[in-house]
Amino acid sequence: MKYVVALLLCAGWWGRPLPAAAQQDSTLAFKAALLPAPNGALLVFTNQQQSFSIRVVSPNVEPMAEPGFMRVNGQILQAVILPAPLAPTQQQVGDERAKQLLIAYKEHESQYIRHDLKAPIRNELVSFLHLNNRLFMLWTYDMPATNKQIGQQQYLVSLCFNQALILNCPVERKASASASRQLLTTIGQTLKINNEASNLEQLYYQLNPTKKK
């Protein structure tokens, strides 16, 4: 497998529609690619004007059948993006505005879980932290006892241009919640924002110079 590419098309969840320009301009639509890299993998999100990436450092990174999911040394990790009501070229907003948008995401997701999935949210915790000078929201809650496989959900979310980058670890009951949180924050520290598109083919061969074109 050379690399995995997926087009990410997600509905808005912020309580208001996306700006018309963002809806109509196909150059602003992000796609994602999981690239093999030394000591792990690089997950790149790019459109024709901008890009951002995170690095997953592990001797074992395997994409799963479900889009956006991978196993990192046995731990399930989901990495997806959702559009946010920000100007497409806006690289970063102030902390207070960012917190409002991140909380809006959490509230929308919570409502979906409670009302649509009919599932309770127990022992919910929300905190904000800075990783590599960028604001992230850490959101965790316990799964009901009836779920015999997953004991807790952990989310680490940040804003990148007009997108929210959402990292999620479903913590299996036999696994360590602290280890999952460490995985999320370690990945969050690698977030890089670029005011230009990423050439995925070129980047692949830069990361894997021994591979033949």
C-alpha atoms as a PDB file:
ATOM      1  CA  MET A   1       0.000   0.000   0.000  1.00  0.00           C
ATOM      2  CA  LYS A   2       1.455   3.305  -1.064  1.00  0.00           C
ATOM      3  CA  TYR A   3      -0.810   5.571   0.909  1.00  0.00           C
ATOM      4  CA  VAL A   4      -4.445   5.916   1.796  1.00  0.00           C
ATOM      5  CA  VAL A   5      -6.379   8.914   0.460  1.00  0.00           C
ATOM      6  CA  ALA A   6      -9.933   9.785   1.451  1.00  0.00           C
ATOM      7  CA  LEU A   7     -12.117  12.737   0.498  1.00  0.00           C
ATOM      8  CA  LEU A   8     -13.709  14.116   3.639  1.00  0.00           C
ATOM      9  CA  LEU A   9     -17.197  15.526   3.117  1.00  0.00           C
ATOM     10  CA  CYS A  10     -18.951  16.333   6.386  1.00  0.00           C
ATOM     11  CA  ALA A  11     -22.147  18.151   7.266  1.00  0.00           C
ATOM     12  CA  GLY A  12     -22.012  21.313   9.333  1.00  0.00           C
ATOM     13  CA  TRP A  13     -22.671  21.013  13.055  1.00  0.00           C
ATOM     14  CA  TRP A  14     -22.228  24.567  14.289  1.00  0.00           C
ATOM     15  CA  GLY A  15     -25.877  25.655  14.265  1.00  0.00           C
ATOM     16  CA  ARG A  16     -25.555  27.754  11.112  1.00  0.00           C
ATOM     17  CA  PRO A  17     -24.688  27.038   7.472  1.00  0.00           C
ATOM     18  CA  LEU A  18     -21.240  27.373   6.016  1.00  0.00           C
ATOM     19  CA  PRO A  19     -20.421  30.546   4.064  1.00  0.00           C
ATOM     20  CA  ALA A  20     -21.604  30.284   0.465  1.00  0.00           C
ATOM     21  CA  ALA A  21     -18.056  30.698  -0.851  1.00  0.00           C
ATOM     22  CA  ALA A  22     -16.881  27.686   1.132  1.00  0.00           C
ATOM     23  CA  GLN A  23     -19.774  25.605  -0.159  1.00  0.00           C
ATOM     24  CA  GLN A  24     -19.228  26.464  -3.805  1.00  0.00           C
ATOM     25  CA  ASP A  25     -15.442  26.611  -4.177  1.00  0.00           C
ATOM     26  CA  SER A  26     -14.135  23.098  -4.774  1.00  0.00           C
ATOM     27  CA  THR A  27     -10.563  24.305  -4.234  1.00  0.00           C
ATOM     28  CA  LEU A  28     -11.399  24.638  -0.527  1.00  0.00           C
ATOM     29  CA  ALA A  29     -12.513  21.014  -0.104  1.00  0.00           C
ATOM     30  CA  PHE A  30      -9.954  19.101   1.965  1.00  0.00           C
ATOM     31  CA  LYS A  31      -8.853  15.555   1.307  1.00  0.00           C
ATOM     32  CA  ALA A  32      -6.826  13.418   3.693  1.00  0.00           C
ATOM     33  CA  ALA A  33      -3.900  11.091   3.077  1.00  0.00           C
ATOM     34  CA  LEU A  34      -2.229   8.718   5.514  1.00  0.00           C
ATOM     35  CA  LEU A  35       1.412   8.485   4.421  1.00  0.00           C
ATOM     36  CA  PRO A  36       3.879   5.922   5.753  1.00  0.00           C
ATOM     37  CA  ALA A  37       6.797   7.685   7.400  1.00  0.00           C
ATOM     38  CA  PRO A  38       9.880   6.795   9.406  1.00  0.00           C
ATOM     39  CA  ASN A  39       8.779   5.634  12.864  1.00  0.00           C
ATOM     40  CA  GLY A  40       5.068   5.781  12.015  1.00  0.00           C
ATOM     41  CA  ALA A  41       2.861   7.764   9.662  1.00  0.00           C
ATOM     42  CA  LEU A  42       1.977  11.306   8.611  1.00  0.00           C
ATOM     43  CA  LEU A  43      -1.672  12.274   8.223  1.00  0.00           C
ATOM     44  CA  VAL A  44      -2.050  15.192   5.813  1.00  0.00           C
ATOM     45  CA  PHE A  45      -5.167  17.269   5.106  1.00  0.00           C
ATOM     46  CA  THR A  46      -4.902  19.452   2.020  1.00  0.00           C
ATOM     47  CA  ASN A  47      -6.926  21.461  -0.443  1.00  0.00           C
ATOM     48  CA  GLN A  48      -5.596  23.457  -3.368  1.00  0.00           C
ATOM     49  CA  GLN A  49      -4.583  26.415  -1.194  1.00  0.00           C
ATOM     50  CA  GLN A  50      -3.751  25.199   2.343  1.00  0.00           C
ATOM     51  CA  SER A  51      -2.778  22.140   4.335  1.00  0.00           C
ATOM     52  CA  PHE A  52      -2.178  20.853   7.826  1.00  0.00           C
ATOM     53  CA  SER A  53      -0.751  17.628   9.181  1.00  0.00           C
ATOM     54  CA  ILE A  54      -0.185  15.497  12.250  1.00  0.00           C
ATOM     55  CA  ARG A  55       2.454  12.849  12.828  1.00  0.00           C
ATOM     56  CA  VAL A  56       1.706   9.492  14.435  1.00  0.00           C
ATOM     57  CA  VAL A  57       4.875   8.044  15.945  1.00  0.00           C
ATOM     58  CA  SER A  58       4.579   4.304  16.507  1.00  0.00           C
ATOM     59  CA  PRO A  59       6.203   1.122  15.198  1.00  0.00           C
ATOM     60  CA  ASN A  60       2.740  -0.119  14.260  1.00  0.00           C
ATOM     61  CA  VAL A  61       0.250   2.168  12.442  1.00  0.00           C
ATOM     62  CA  GLU A  62      -2.402   0.331  10.455  1.00  0.00           C
ATOM     63  CA  PRO A  63      -5.398   1.909   8.647  1.00  0.00           C
ATOM     64  CA  MET A  64      -8.710   0.208   9.434  1.00  0.00           C
ATOM     65  CA  ALA A  65     -11.558  -0.575   7.050  1.00  0.00           C
ATOM     66  CA  GLU A  66     -13.634   2.288   8.460  1.00  0.00           C
ATOM     67  CA  PRO A  67     -12.551   5.622   6.844  1.00  0.00           C
ATOM     68  CA  GLY A  68     -10.702   7.877   9.269  1.00  0.00           C
ATOM     69  CA  PHE A  69      -9.799   5.039  11.660  1.00  0.00           C
ATOM     70  CA  MET A  70      -6.441   3.440  12.331  1.00  0.00           C
ATOM     71  CA  ARG A  71      -4.812   1.296  14.997  1.00  0.00           C
ATOM     72  CA  VAL A  72      -1.742   2.762  16.645  1.00  0.00           C
ATOM     73  CA  ASN A  73       0.153   0.068  18.502  1.00  0.00           C
ATOM     74  CA  GLY A  74      -3.188  -1.618  19.140  1.00  0.00           C
ATOM     75  CA  GLN A  75      -5.075   1.530  20.209  1.00  0.00           C
ATOM     76  CA  ILE A  76      -7.998   2.624  18.019  1.00  0.00           C
ATOM     77  CA  LEU A  77      -7.566   6.203  16.763  1.00  0.00           C
ATOM     78  CA  GLN A  78     -10.032   8.203  14.677  1.00  0.00           C
ATOM     79  CA  ALA A  79      -8.891  11.368  12.891  1.00  0.00           C
ATOM     80  CA  VAL A  80     -11.457  13.392  10.945  1.00  0.00           C
ATOM     81  CA  ILE A  81     -12.252  16.989  10.075  1.00  0.00           C
ATOM     82  CA  LEU A  82     -15.509  18.924  10.088  1.00  0.00           C
ATOM     83  CA  PRO A  83     -16.144  22.390   8.585  1.00  0.00           C
ATOM     84  CA  ALA A  84     -16.293  25.335  10.977  1.00  0.00           C
ATOM     85  CA  PRO A  85     -17.961  28.749  10.450  1.00  0.00           C
ATOM     86  CA  LEU A  86     -14.703  30.601   9.838  1.00  0.00           C
ATOM     87  CA  ALA A  87     -13.234  32.369   6.839  1.00  0.00           C
ATOM     88  CA  PRO A  88     -11.528  29.771   4.613  1.00  0.00           C
ATOM     89  CA  THR A  89      -8.182  31.578   4.823  1.00  0.00           C
ATOM     90  CA  GLN A  90      -8.284  32.285   8.554  1.00  0.00           C
ATOM     91  CA  GLN A  91      -5.354  30.366  10.034  1.00  0.00           C
ATOM     92  CA  GLN A  92      -6.113  30.946  13.706  1.00  0.00           C
ATOM     93  CA  VAL A  93      -8.652  32.736  15.908  1.00  0.00           C
ATOM     94  CA  GLY A  94      -8.332  34.061  19.439  1.00  0.00           C
ATOM     95  CA  ASP A  95      -8.669  31.630  22.313  1.00  0.00           C
ATOM     96  CA  GLU A  96     -12.062  32.878  23.463  1.00  0.00           C
ATOM     97  CA  ARG A  97     -13.646  32.569  20.018  1.00  0.00           C
ATOM     98  CA  ALA A  98     -11.997  29.196  19.523  1.00  0.00           C
ATOM     99  CA  LYS A  99     -13.357  27.958  22.852  1.00  0.00           C
ATOM    100  CA  GLN A 100     -16.878  29.014  21.839  1.00  0.00           C
ATOM    101  CA  LEU A 101     -16.634  27.052  18.588  1.00  0.00           C
ATOM    102  CA  LEU A 102     -15.129  23.992  20.240  1.00  0.00           C
ATOM    103  CA  ILE A 103     -17.831  23.964  22.911  1.00  0.00           C
ATOM    104  CA  ALA A 104     -20.437  24.300  20.135  1.00  0.00           C
ATOM    105  CA  TYR A 105     -19.015  21.134  18.576  1.00  0.00           C
ATOM    106  CA  LYS A 106     -19.160  19.293  21.900  1.00  0.00           C
ATOM    107  CA  GLU A 107     -22.741  20.362  22.550  1.00  0.00           C
ATOM    108  CA  HIS A 108     -23.866  19.290  19.094  1.00  0.00           C
ATOM    109  CA  GLU A 109     -22.131  15.940  19.429  1.00  0.00           C
ATOM    110  CA  SER A 110     -23.553  15.446  22.931  1.00  0.00           C
ATOM    111  CA  GLN A 111     -27.058  16.143  21.703  1.00  0.00           C
ATOM    112  CA  TYR A 112     -26.635  13.638  18.893  1.00  0.00           C
ATOM    113  CA  ILE A 113     -25.415  10.965  21.312  1.00  0.00           C
ATOM    114  CA  ARG A 114     -28.183  11.558  23.845  1.00  0.00           C
ATOM    115  CA  HIS A 115     -31.134  12.121  21.512  1.00  0.00           C
ATOM    116  CA  ASP A 116     -30.317  10.230  18.338  1.00  0.00           C
ATOM    117  CA  LEU A 117     -28.293   7.335  19.719  1.00  0.00           C
ATOM    118  CA  LYS A 118     -30.272   7.276  22.998  1.00  0.00           C
ATOM    119  CA  ALA A 119     -27.028   6.804  24.922  1.00  0.00           C
ATOM    120  CA  PRO A 120     -26.159   8.436  28.245  1.00  0.00           C
ATOM    121  CA  ILE A 121     -23.007  10.517  28.747  1.00  0.00           C
ATOM    122  CA  ARG A 122     -21.480   9.883  32.179  1.00  0.00           C
ATOM    123  CA  ASN A 123     -18.629  11.543  34.064  1.00  0.00           C
ATOM    124  CA  GLU A 124     -18.099  14.132  31.333  1.00  0.00           C
ATOM    125  CA  LEU A 125     -14.965  16.263  31.608  1.00  0.00           C
ATOM    126  CA  VAL A 126     -13.925  19.206  29.406  1.00  0.00           C
ATOM    127  CA  SER A 127     -10.642  21.080  29.577  1.00  0.00           C
ATOM    128  CA  PHE A 128      -8.549  23.305  27.321  1.00  0.00           C
ATOM    129  CA  LEU A 129      -4.822  23.056  26.787  1.00  0.00           C
ATOM    130  CA  HIS A 130      -2.171  24.509  24.528  1.00  0.00           C
ATOM    131  CA  LEU A 131      -0.002  22.138  22.526  1.00  0.00           C
ATOM    132  CA  ASN A 132       2.742  23.657  20.403  1.00  0.00           C
ATOM    133  CA  ASN A 133       1.099  27.086  20.852  1.00  0.00           C
ATOM    134  CA  ARG A 134      -2.292  25.955  19.571  1.00  0.00           C
ATOM    135  CA  LEU A 135      -5.508  25.637  21.583  1.00  0.00           C
ATOM    136  CA  PHE A 136      -7.083  22.207  21.942  1.00  0.00           C
ATOM    137  CA  MET A 137     -10.190  21.003  23.735  1.00  0.00           C
ATOM    138  CA  LEU A 138      -9.940  17.695  25.590  1.00  0.00           C
ATOM    139  CA  TRP A 139     -13.346  16.084  26.063  1.00  0.00           C
ATOM    140  CA  THR A 140     -13.865  12.743  27.791  1.00  0.00           C
ATOM    141  CA  TYR A 141     -16.856  10.775  29.019  1.00  0.00           C
ATOM    142  CA  ASP A 142     -17.594   7.247  30.217  1.00  0.00           C
ATOM    143  CA  MET A 143     -19.578   4.788  28.172  1.00  0.00           C
ATOM    144  CA  PRO A 144     -22.538   2.962  29.767  1.00  0.00           C
ATOM    145  CA  ALA A 145     -21.834  -0.387  31.441  1.00  0.00           C
ATOM    146  CA  THR A 146     -23.907  -2.102  28.757  1.00  0.00           C
ATOM    147  CA  ASN A 147     -21.070  -1.431  26.300  1.00  0.00           C
ATOM    148  CA  LYS A 148     -18.812  -4.361  27.102  1.00  0.00           C
ATOM    149  CA  GLN A 149     -16.029  -3.334  24.731  1.00  0.00           C
ATOM    150  CA  ILE A 150     -15.542   0.457  25.060  1.00  0.00           C
ATOM    151  CA  GLY A 151     -15.271   2.019  28.510  1.00  0.00           C
ATOM    152  CA  GLN A 152     -14.518   5.655  27.657  1.00  0.00           C
ATOM    153  CA  GLN A 153     -14.431   8.106  24.760  1.00  0.00           C
ATOM    154  CA  GLN A 154     -11.634  10.679  24.531  1.00  0.00           C
ATOM    155  CA  TYR A 155     -11.607  13.588  22.069  1.00  0.00           C
ATOM    156  CA  LEU A 156      -8.895  16.131  21.318  1.00  0.00           C
ATOM    157  CA  VAL A 157     -10.144  18.909  19.019  1.00  0.00           C
ATOM    158  CA  SER A 158      -8.514  21.993  17.485  1.00  0.00           C
ATOM    159  CA  LEU A 159      -9.320  24.505  14.729  1.00  0.00           C
ATOM    160  CA  CYS A 160      -7.289  24.556  11.505  1.00  0.00           C
ATOM    161  CA  PHE A 161      -8.343  27.210   8.992  1.00  0.00           C
ATOM    162  CA  ASN A 162     -12.092  26.665   8.545  1.00  0.00           C
ATOM    163  CA  GLN A 163     -11.930  23.069   9.778  1.00  0.00           C
ATOM    164  CA  ALA A 164     -12.025  21.334  13.129  1.00  0.00           C
ATOM    165  CA  LEU A 165      -9.483  18.558  13.490  1.00  0.00           C
ATOM    166  CA  ILE A 166     -11.027  15.855  15.682  1.00  0.00           C
ATOM    167  CA  LEU A 167      -8.887  13.120  17.213  1.00  0.00           C
ATOM    168  CA  ASN A 168     -10.821  10.425  19.027  1.00  0.00           C
ATOM    169  CA  CYS A 169      -9.692   7.432  21.054  1.00  0.00           C
ATOM    170  CA  PRO A 170     -12.399   4.922  21.976  1.00  0.00           C
ATOM    171  CA  VAL A 171     -10.754   3.395  25.060  1.00  0.00           C
ATOM    172  CA  GLU A 172     -11.365  -0.321  25.310  1.00  0.00           C
ATOM    173  CA  ARG A 173     -12.208  -1.571  28.793  1.00  0.00           C
ATOM    174  CA  LYS A 174      -9.020  -3.593  28.996  1.00  0.00           C
ATOM    175  CA  ALA A 175      -6.884  -0.611  27.916  1.00  0.00           C
ATOM    176  CA  SER A 176      -5.354   2.319  29.828  1.00  0.00           C
ATOM    177  CA  ALA A 177      -7.244   5.632  29.679  1.00  0.00           C
ATOM    178  CA  SER A 178      -4.086   7.550  30.602  1.00  0.00           C
ATOM    179  CA  ALA A 179      -2.153   5.898  27.769  1.00  0.00           C
ATOM    180  CA  SER A 180      -4.874   6.910  25.295  1.00  0.00           C
ATOM    181  CA  ARG A 181      -4.766  10.495  26.515  1.00  0.00           C
ATOM    182  CA  GLN A 182      -0.991  10.486  26.177  1.00  0.00           C
ATOM    183  CA  LEU A 183      -1.347   9.267  22.598  1.00  0.00           C
ATOM    184  CA  LEU A 184      -3.781  12.073  21.767  1.00  0.00           C
ATOM    185  CA  THR A 185      -1.677  14.854  23.295  1.00  0.00           C
ATOM    186  CA  THR A 186       1.530  13.521  21.753  1.00  0.00           C
ATOM    187  CA  ILE A 187      -0.109  13.590  18.317  1.00  0.00           C
ATOM    188  CA  GLY A 188      -1.611  17.035  18.998  1.00  0.00           C
ATOM    189  CA  GLN A 189       1.855  18.439  19.654  1.00  0.00           C
ATOM    190  CA  THR A 190       2.870  17.559  16.089  1.00  0.00           C
ATOM    191  CA  LEU A 191       0.134  19.626  14.389  1.00  0.00           C
ATOM    192  CA  LYS A 192       1.580  21.799  11.627  1.00  0.00           C
ATOM    193  CA  ILE A 193      -0.326  24.445   9.646  1.00  0.00           C
ATOM    194  CA  ASN A 194       0.755  25.504   6.141  1.00  0.00           C
ATOM    195  CA  ASN A 195      -0.511  28.383   4.019  1.00  0.00           C
ATOM    196  CA  GLU A 196       0.016  26.324   0.898  1.00  0.00           C
ATOM    197  CA  ALA A 197      -1.194  23.030  -0.496  1.00  0.00           C
ATOM    198  CA  SER A 198       0.711  19.802   0.069  1.00  0.00           C
ATOM    199  CA  ASN A 199       1.810  17.755  -2.912  1.00  0.00           C
ATOM    200  CA  LEU A 200       0.967  14.270  -1.623  1.00  0.00           C
ATOM    201  CA  GLU A 201       2.965  12.400  -4.252  1.00  0.00           C
ATOM    202  CA  GLN A 202       6.051  14.500  -3.634  1.00  0.00           C
ATOM    203  CA  LEU A 203       5.656  14.271   0.130  1.00  0.00           C
ATOM    204  CA  TYR A 204       5.339  10.492  -0.033  1.00  0.00           C
ATOM    205  CA  TYR A 205       8.707  10.132  -1.762  1.00  0.00           C
ATOM    206  CA  GLN A 206      10.326  12.641   0.582  1.00  0.00           C
ATOM    207  CA  LEU A 207       9.236  10.493   3.509  1.00  0.00           C
ATOM    208  CA  ASN A 208      10.143   7.246   1.726  1.00  0.00           C
ATOM    209  CA  PRO A 209      13.233   7.997  -0.399  1.00  0.00           C
ATOM    210  CA  THR A 210      13.992   4.318  -1.038  1.00  0.00           C
ATOM    211  CA  LYS A 211      10.651   3.772  -2.800  1.00  0.00           C
ATOM    212  CA  LYS A 212      10.622   3.810  -6.578  1.00  0.00           C
ATOM    213  CA  LYS A 213       8.312   6.107  -8.515  1.00  0.00           C
END
